[in-house]
Protein backbone atom coordinates (compact mmCIF):
# COMPACT_ATOMS: atom_id res chain seq x y z
CA UNK A 1 27.58 74.14 -7.49
CA UNK A 2 27.03 71.88 -10.17
CA UNK A 3 23.63 70.63 -11.25
CA UNK A 4 22.42 67.19 -11.67
CA UNK A 5 21.65 66.17 -15.49
CA UNK A 6 20.24 63.37 -17.36
CA UNK A 7 22.71 60.93 -18.37
CA UNK A 8 19.90 59.27 -20.48
CA UNK A 9 16.29 59.98 -22.11
CA UNK A 10 14.98 56.72 -19.74
CA UNK A 11 17.87 57.09 -17.54
CA UNK A 12 18.78 58.73 -14.15
CA UNK A 13 20.34 62.25 -13.21
CA UNK A 14 24.15 62.11 -12.56
CA UNK A 15 26.37 65.26 -11.47
CA UNK A 16 28.05 66.66 -14.80
CA UNK A 17 31.54 65.29 -13.50
CA UNK A 18 31.70 61.85 -11.57
CA UNK A 19 33.90 61.29 -8.26
CA UNK A 20 36.12 58.08 -9.43
CA UNK A 21 37.29 55.70 -6.56
CA UNK A 22 39.57 53.21 -8.35
CA UNK A 23 42.66 54.50 -6.17
CA UNK A 24 40.93 54.76 -2.71
CA UNK A 25 42.89 52.21 -1.03
CA UNK A 26 45.76 54.23 -2.10
CA UNK A 27 44.74 57.43 -0.54
CA UNK A 28 45.66 56.36 2.91
CA UNK A 29 42.61 57.41 4.14
CA UNK A 30 40.63 56.73 7.56
CA UNK A 31 37.17 56.11 7.43
CA UNK A 32 36.24 59.58 9.03
CA UNK A 33 38.91 61.06 6.29
CA UNK A 34 36.64 59.32 3.76
CA UNK A 35 33.76 60.83 5.13
CA UNK A 36 34.82 64.62 4.76
CA UNK A 37 35.99 63.84 1.33
CA UNK A 38 32.51 63.03 0.20
CA UNK A 39 31.07 65.65 1.69
CA UNK A 40 33.50 68.26 -0.03
CA UNK A 41 32.54 66.68 -3.19
CA UNK A 42 28.94 66.93 -2.34
CA UNK A 43 29.36 70.23 -1.63
CA UNK A 44 30.61 71.15 -5.07
CA UNK A 45 27.65 69.23 -6.61
CA UNK A 46 29.74 65.94 -7.41
CA UNK A 47 26.92 63.62 -6.35
CA UNK A 48 27.69 60.52 -8.60
CA UNK A 49 30.51 57.98 -7.76
CA UNK A 50 32.11 55.28 -9.53
CA UNK A 51 33.46 52.00 -8.39
CA UNK A 52 33.97 48.67 -9.74
CA UNK A 53 33.93 45.27 -7.33
CA UNK A 54 37.55 44.43 -8.25
CA UNK A 55 39.07 48.14 -7.16
CA UNK A 56 41.67 48.06 -4.57
CA UNK A 57 41.79 44.17 -4.89
CA UNK A 58 38.10 44.01 -4.09
CA UNK A 59 38.39 46.37 -0.88
CA UNK A 60 37.07 49.88 -2.44
CA UNK A 61 33.58 49.02 -2.06
CA UNK A 62 33.67 48.14 1.19
CA UNK A 63 35.99 50.94 2.28
CA UNK A 64 33.50 53.36 0.78
CA UNK A 65 31.05 51.53 3.02
CA UNK A 66 32.50 52.27 6.10
CA UNK A 67 32.40 55.88 5.50
CA UNK A 68 28.85 55.72 4.81
CA UNK A 69 27.82 53.63 8.11
CA UNK A 70 29.76 56.41 9.82
CA UNK A 71 27.57 59.01 8.42
CA UNK A 72 24.32 57.28 7.03
CA UNK A 73 22.58 60.51 5.34
CA UNK A 74 25.05 60.39 2.57
CA UNK A 75 23.99 57.78 0.97
CA UNK A 76 20.65 59.41 -0.06
CA UNK A 77 22.55 62.08 -1.56
CA UNK A 78 24.90 60.17 -3.85
CA UNK A 79 24.23 58.02 -6.78
CA UNK A 80 26.41 54.90 -6.62
CA UNK A 81 28.00 53.34 -9.95
CA UNK A 82 29.61 49.92 -9.70
CA UNK A 83 30.95 47.36 -12.67
CA UNK A 84 31.23 43.74 -12.57
CA UNK A 85 32.09 40.95 -15.10
CA UNK A 86 36.19 40.84 -14.08
CA UNK A 87 37.96 37.90 -12.01
CA UNK A 88 41.25 38.84 -10.71
CA UNK A 89 43.78 36.67 -8.95
CA UNK A 90 43.56 38.79 -6.14
CA UNK A 91 41.38 36.23 -5.08
CA UNK A 92 43.01 32.88 -4.45
CA UNK A 93 40.28 30.71 -6.50
CA UNK A 94 41.38 32.50 -9.61
CA UNK A 95 44.51 31.29 -10.99
CA UNK A 96 44.37 33.46 -14.18
CA UNK A 97 42.73 36.82 -14.56
CA UNK A 98 39.60 36.52 -16.80
CA UNK A 99 36.37 37.92 -17.73
CA UNK A 100 33.07 36.61 -16.32
CA UNK A 101 29.54 37.40 -17.40
CA UNK A 102 27.54 34.59 -16.43
CA UNK A 103 24.40 35.20 -14.65
CA UNK A 104 25.38 34.06 -11.54
CA UNK A 105 28.21 36.13 -11.17
CA UNK A 106 26.68 39.36 -12.46
CA UNK A 107 23.97 38.60 -9.57
CA UNK A 108 26.55 37.47 -7.06
CA UNK A 109 28.72 40.24 -7.56
CA UNK A 110 25.60 42.85 -7.31
CA UNK A 111 24.58 41.32 -4.14
CA UNK A 112 28.29 41.37 -2.66
CA UNK A 113 28.70 45.23 -3.85
CA UNK A 114 25.19 46.13 -1.84
CA UNK A 115 26.77 44.27 1.04
CA UNK A 116 29.78 45.99 0.86
CA UNK A 117 28.19 49.84 0.40
CA UNK A 118 25.59 48.84 3.01
CA UNK A 119 22.89 49.66 0.50
CA UNK A 120 19.46 48.38 -0.87
CA UNK A 121 20.16 49.57 -4.48
CA UNK A 122 22.86 50.55 -6.93
CA UNK A 123 21.86 53.47 -9.06
CA UNK A 124 23.82 51.73 -11.88
CA UNK A 125 25.58 48.51 -12.70
CA UNK A 126 27.69 48.36 -15.67
CA UNK A 127 29.78 45.02 -17.33
CA UNK A 128 33.00 46.00 -16.94
CA UNK A 129 34.73 45.00 -20.39
CA UNK A 130 33.46 43.14 -23.24
CA UNK A 131 33.57 39.42 -22.58
CA UNK A 132 34.66 36.94 -25.76
CA UNK A 133 32.34 34.31 -24.06
CA UNK A 134 29.44 36.67 -23.16
CA UNK A 135 25.90 35.10 -23.74
CA UNK A 136 23.93 38.50 -24.14
CA UNK A 137 20.83 36.06 -22.96
CA UNK A 138 22.34 35.50 -19.67
CA UNK A 139 23.73 38.98 -19.16
CA UNK A 140 20.07 40.44 -19.78
CA UNK A 141 18.49 37.60 -17.67
CA UNK A 142 21.12 38.97 -14.93
CA UNK A 143 20.01 42.73 -15.54
CA UNK A 144 16.56 41.92 -15.22
CA UNK A 145 16.30 39.91 -12.30
CA UNK A 146 18.27 42.75 -10.37
CA UNK A 147 16.17 45.42 -11.96
CA UNK A 148 12.67 43.62 -11.23
CA UNK A 149 14.08 43.27 -7.59
CA UNK A 150 14.86 47.11 -7.00
CA UNK A 151 18.60 46.11 -6.46
CA UNK A 152 19.90 47.68 -9.68
CA UNK A 153 17.95 51.03 -10.47
CA UNK A 154 19.95 51.15 -14.18
CA UNK A 155 22.01 49.13 -16.06
CA UNK A 156 24.86 49.78 -18.68
CA UNK A 157 28.45 48.74 -19.89
CA UNK A 158 31.80 49.87 -20.12
CA UNK A 159 34.60 49.70 -22.86
CA UNK A 160 32.06 48.28 -25.67
CA UNK A 161 32.02 48.21 -28.81
CA UNK A 162 28.95 49.82 -30.63
CA UNK A 163 28.14 46.16 -32.11
CA UNK A 164 28.70 44.58 -28.56
CA UNK A 165 26.38 47.41 -27.08
CA UNK A 166 23.68 46.90 -29.82
CA UNK A 167 23.58 42.93 -29.08
CA UNK A 168 23.04 43.42 -25.04
CA UNK A 169 20.69 46.07 -26.05
CA UNK A 170 18.68 44.05 -28.21
CA UNK A 171 17.75 41.43 -25.87
CA UNK A 172 16.44 43.87 -23.16
CA UNK A 173 13.08 45.60 -22.24
CA UNK A 174 14.71 48.93 -21.12
CA UNK A 175 17.39 51.01 -22.31
CA UNK A 176 21.00 50.89 -21.31
CA UNK A 177 21.83 54.26 -20.09
CA UNK A 178 25.77 54.60 -20.87
CA UNK A 179 28.69 53.13 -21.87
CA UNK A 180 31.77 54.10 -20.01
CA UNK A 181 34.92 54.73 -21.97
CA UNK A 182 38.33 55.72 -22.05
CA UNK A 183 38.37 59.30 -23.36
CA UNK A 184 41.01 61.55 -23.21
CA UNK A 185 43.26 63.73 -25.92
CA UNK A 186 45.94 60.66 -25.49
CA UNK A 187 43.37 58.21 -26.63
CA UNK A 188 41.38 59.52 -29.39
CA UNK A 189 40.43 56.34 -31.12
CA UNK A 190 36.77 56.49 -30.19
CA UNK A 191 36.08 59.96 -31.68
CA UNK A 192 36.15 58.39 -35.23
CA UNK A 193 35.20 54.75 -34.74
CA UNK A 194 31.61 55.47 -34.57
CA UNK A 195 31.42 54.35 -30.59
CA UNK A 196 30.41 58.12 -29.75
CA UNK A 197 28.38 58.60 -32.62
CA UNK A 198 26.28 55.50 -30.97
CA UNK A 199 25.95 57.63 -28.04
CA UNK A 200 24.70 60.68 -29.55
CA UNK A 201 22.03 58.18 -31.66
CA UNK A 202 20.60 56.64 -28.94
CA UNK A 203 20.78 60.03 -26.83
CA UNK A 204 22.88 58.67 -24.01
CA UNK A 205 26.05 60.41 -22.50
CA UNK A 206 29.17 58.14 -22.30
CA UNK A 207 30.92 58.31 -19.09
CA UNK A 208 35.10 59.08 -19.67
CA UNK A 209 37.78 57.11 -17.57
CA UNK A 210 41.08 57.92 -17.50
CA UNK A 211 40.69 61.86 -18.83
CA UNK A 212 44.00 62.40 -18.29
CA UNK A 213 45.63 59.38 -19.71
CA UNK A 214 46.60 57.65 -16.65
CA UNK A 215 49.36 60.28 -15.91
CA UNK A 216 50.76 60.11 -19.15
CA UNK A 217 49.66 63.67 -20.31
CA UNK A 218 51.57 65.38 -17.86
CA UNK A 219 54.52 62.58 -17.30
CA UNK A 220 55.12 61.42 -20.82
CA UNK A 221 58.29 63.15 -22.53
CA UNK A 222 56.29 61.87 -25.61
CA UNK A 223 53.46 64.44 -24.88
CA UNK A 224 55.30 67.46 -24.50
CA UNK A 225 53.89 69.28 -27.37
CA UNK A 226 50.66 68.62 -26.07
CA UNK A 227 51.31 70.25 -22.78
CA UNK A 228 52.94 73.13 -24.33
CA UNK A 229 49.65 73.84 -26.04
CA UNK A 230 47.37 73.02 -23.03
CA UNK A 231 49.34 75.69 -21.42
CA UNK A 232 48.75 78.22 -24.00
CA UNK A 233 45.03 77.80 -24.15
CA UNK A 234 45.10 77.82 -20.65
CA UNK A 235 46.09 81.44 -20.63
CA UNK A 236 44.19 82.30 -23.32
CA UNK A 237 41.08 81.03 -21.28
CA UNK A 238 41.84 82.06 -18.22
CA UNK A 239 41.77 78.29 -16.59
CA UNK A 240 43.37 78.02 -13.49
CA UNK A 241 45.09 74.30 -14.69
CA UNK A 242 45.69 72.20 -17.55
CA UNK A 243 43.90 69.74 -15.85
CA UNK A 244 40.50 72.08 -16.21
CA UNK A 245 41.43 72.69 -20.31
CA UNK A 246 41.63 68.86 -20.89
CA UNK A 247 38.24 68.09 -18.79
CA UNK A 248 36.57 71.08 -20.96
CA UNK A 249 37.93 69.50 -24.26
CA UNK A 250 36.35 66.14 -23.42
CA UNK A 251 32.79 67.75 -22.27
CA UNK A 252 32.81 69.76 -25.41
CA UNK A 253 32.34 66.51 -27.45
CA UNK A 254 28.78 66.26 -28.86
CA UNK A 255 28.03 63.17 -26.77
CA UNK A 256 28.48 65.26 -23.72
CA UNK A 257 30.59 62.76 -21.61
CA UNK A 258 30.46 62.61 -18.07
CA UNK A 259 34.51 62.85 -16.96
CA UNK A 260 35.37 60.80 -13.75
CA UNK A 261 37.80 62.48 -11.55
CA UNK A 262 40.59 60.51 -10.58
CA UNK A 263 42.21 62.25 -7.86
CA UNK A 264 42.17 62.11 -3.95
CA UNK A 265 42.90 65.58 -3.43
CA UNK A 266 40.46 68.09 -2.36
CA UNK A 267 41.94 70.86 -4.22
CA UNK A 268 42.20 69.10 -7.27
CA UNK A 269 38.54 67.92 -7.15
CA UNK A 270 37.37 71.59 -6.65
CA UNK A 271 39.59 72.87 -9.72
CA UNK A 272 38.01 69.77 -11.60
CA UNK A 273 34.67 71.10 -11.22
CA UNK A 274 35.12 74.37 -12.13
CA UNK A 275 35.73 73.21 -15.59
CA UNK A 276 32.30 73.19 -16.36
CA UNK A 277 32.25 76.97 -16.69
CA UNK A 278 35.26 76.81 -18.99
CA UNK A 279 34.56 77.02 -22.71
CA UNK A 280 37.07 76.40 -25.53
CA UNK A 281 36.43 77.59 -28.92
CA UNK A 282 36.58 74.93 -31.82
CA UNK A 283 40.06 76.16 -33.10
CA UNK A 284 41.32 75.64 -29.33
CA UNK A 285 39.93 72.15 -29.45
CA UNK A 286 41.32 71.12 -32.81
CA UNK A 287 44.62 72.50 -31.54
CA UNK A 288 44.62 69.79 -28.84
CA UNK A 289 43.79 67.43 -30.96
CA UNK A 290 46.47 68.41 -33.41
CA UNK A 291 49.22 68.33 -30.52
CA UNK A 292 48.28 65.24 -29.10
CA UNK A 293 48.19 63.15 -32.44
CA UNK A 294 51.43 64.76 -33.86
CA UNK A 295 49.58 65.85 -37.05
CA UNK A 296 47.29 68.48 -38.65
CA UNK A 297 43.53 67.19 -39.07
CA UNK A 298 42.05 67.54 -41.24
């Protein structure tokens, strides 16, 4: 069973892999089936769940809340992460999709999430994407208001550059505890641009989304050499799937990312959880990097 780990020096304890519910509405689960799914990943030690207010055209949080209402004891066993700061055309009042990190929008989004989940606090609230109109002072004021009220226990960001992270942090009296980032063999830009170096510098662990490249890793013909290498390494390590190898590759990064699992299939979740016991050596790690990039490094 997975054991919780501190995500930052002054942050909460999260499970080393996180259950992502971005596609919950596509899984076709009844509320009772959602309860069973939650209980399954809790039994593996996956206690942290990841959401955003816009997921499922603003429906996913409430659908999860329906499950928690059926089994109220589950809430105390979970850490709920959600994100805000994007407005989409799924709501008729928005003529175009855009970012919104105004203080009022952040606070209202958090209040909506609390109501949808049927809970009195969010374990972590993230700003979903960098906003070119972001007023750092306003975001900080929103975070401080929510934190002081006990409605948001921890704050962080998602997809921020180091400079954007540093700007917002400079306005806060408490530490941001994570930056949720796209990390996978098919998305390696962050490995060398300073983003993950900042995570190490400030001693917080990033959350890694789209670890499998949104399916491209297994479906895109361009990545056939990568799949071939992953299969060889799967055999070398005794892993049960290439997915396990990918999760192990991500967790080997010095910033110790927490991979987000995006599948609604219990077998794949079980398999992903076992990746914490898989160890790659340095050459295997770089073989995967090379196969994905298409050239040798260094």
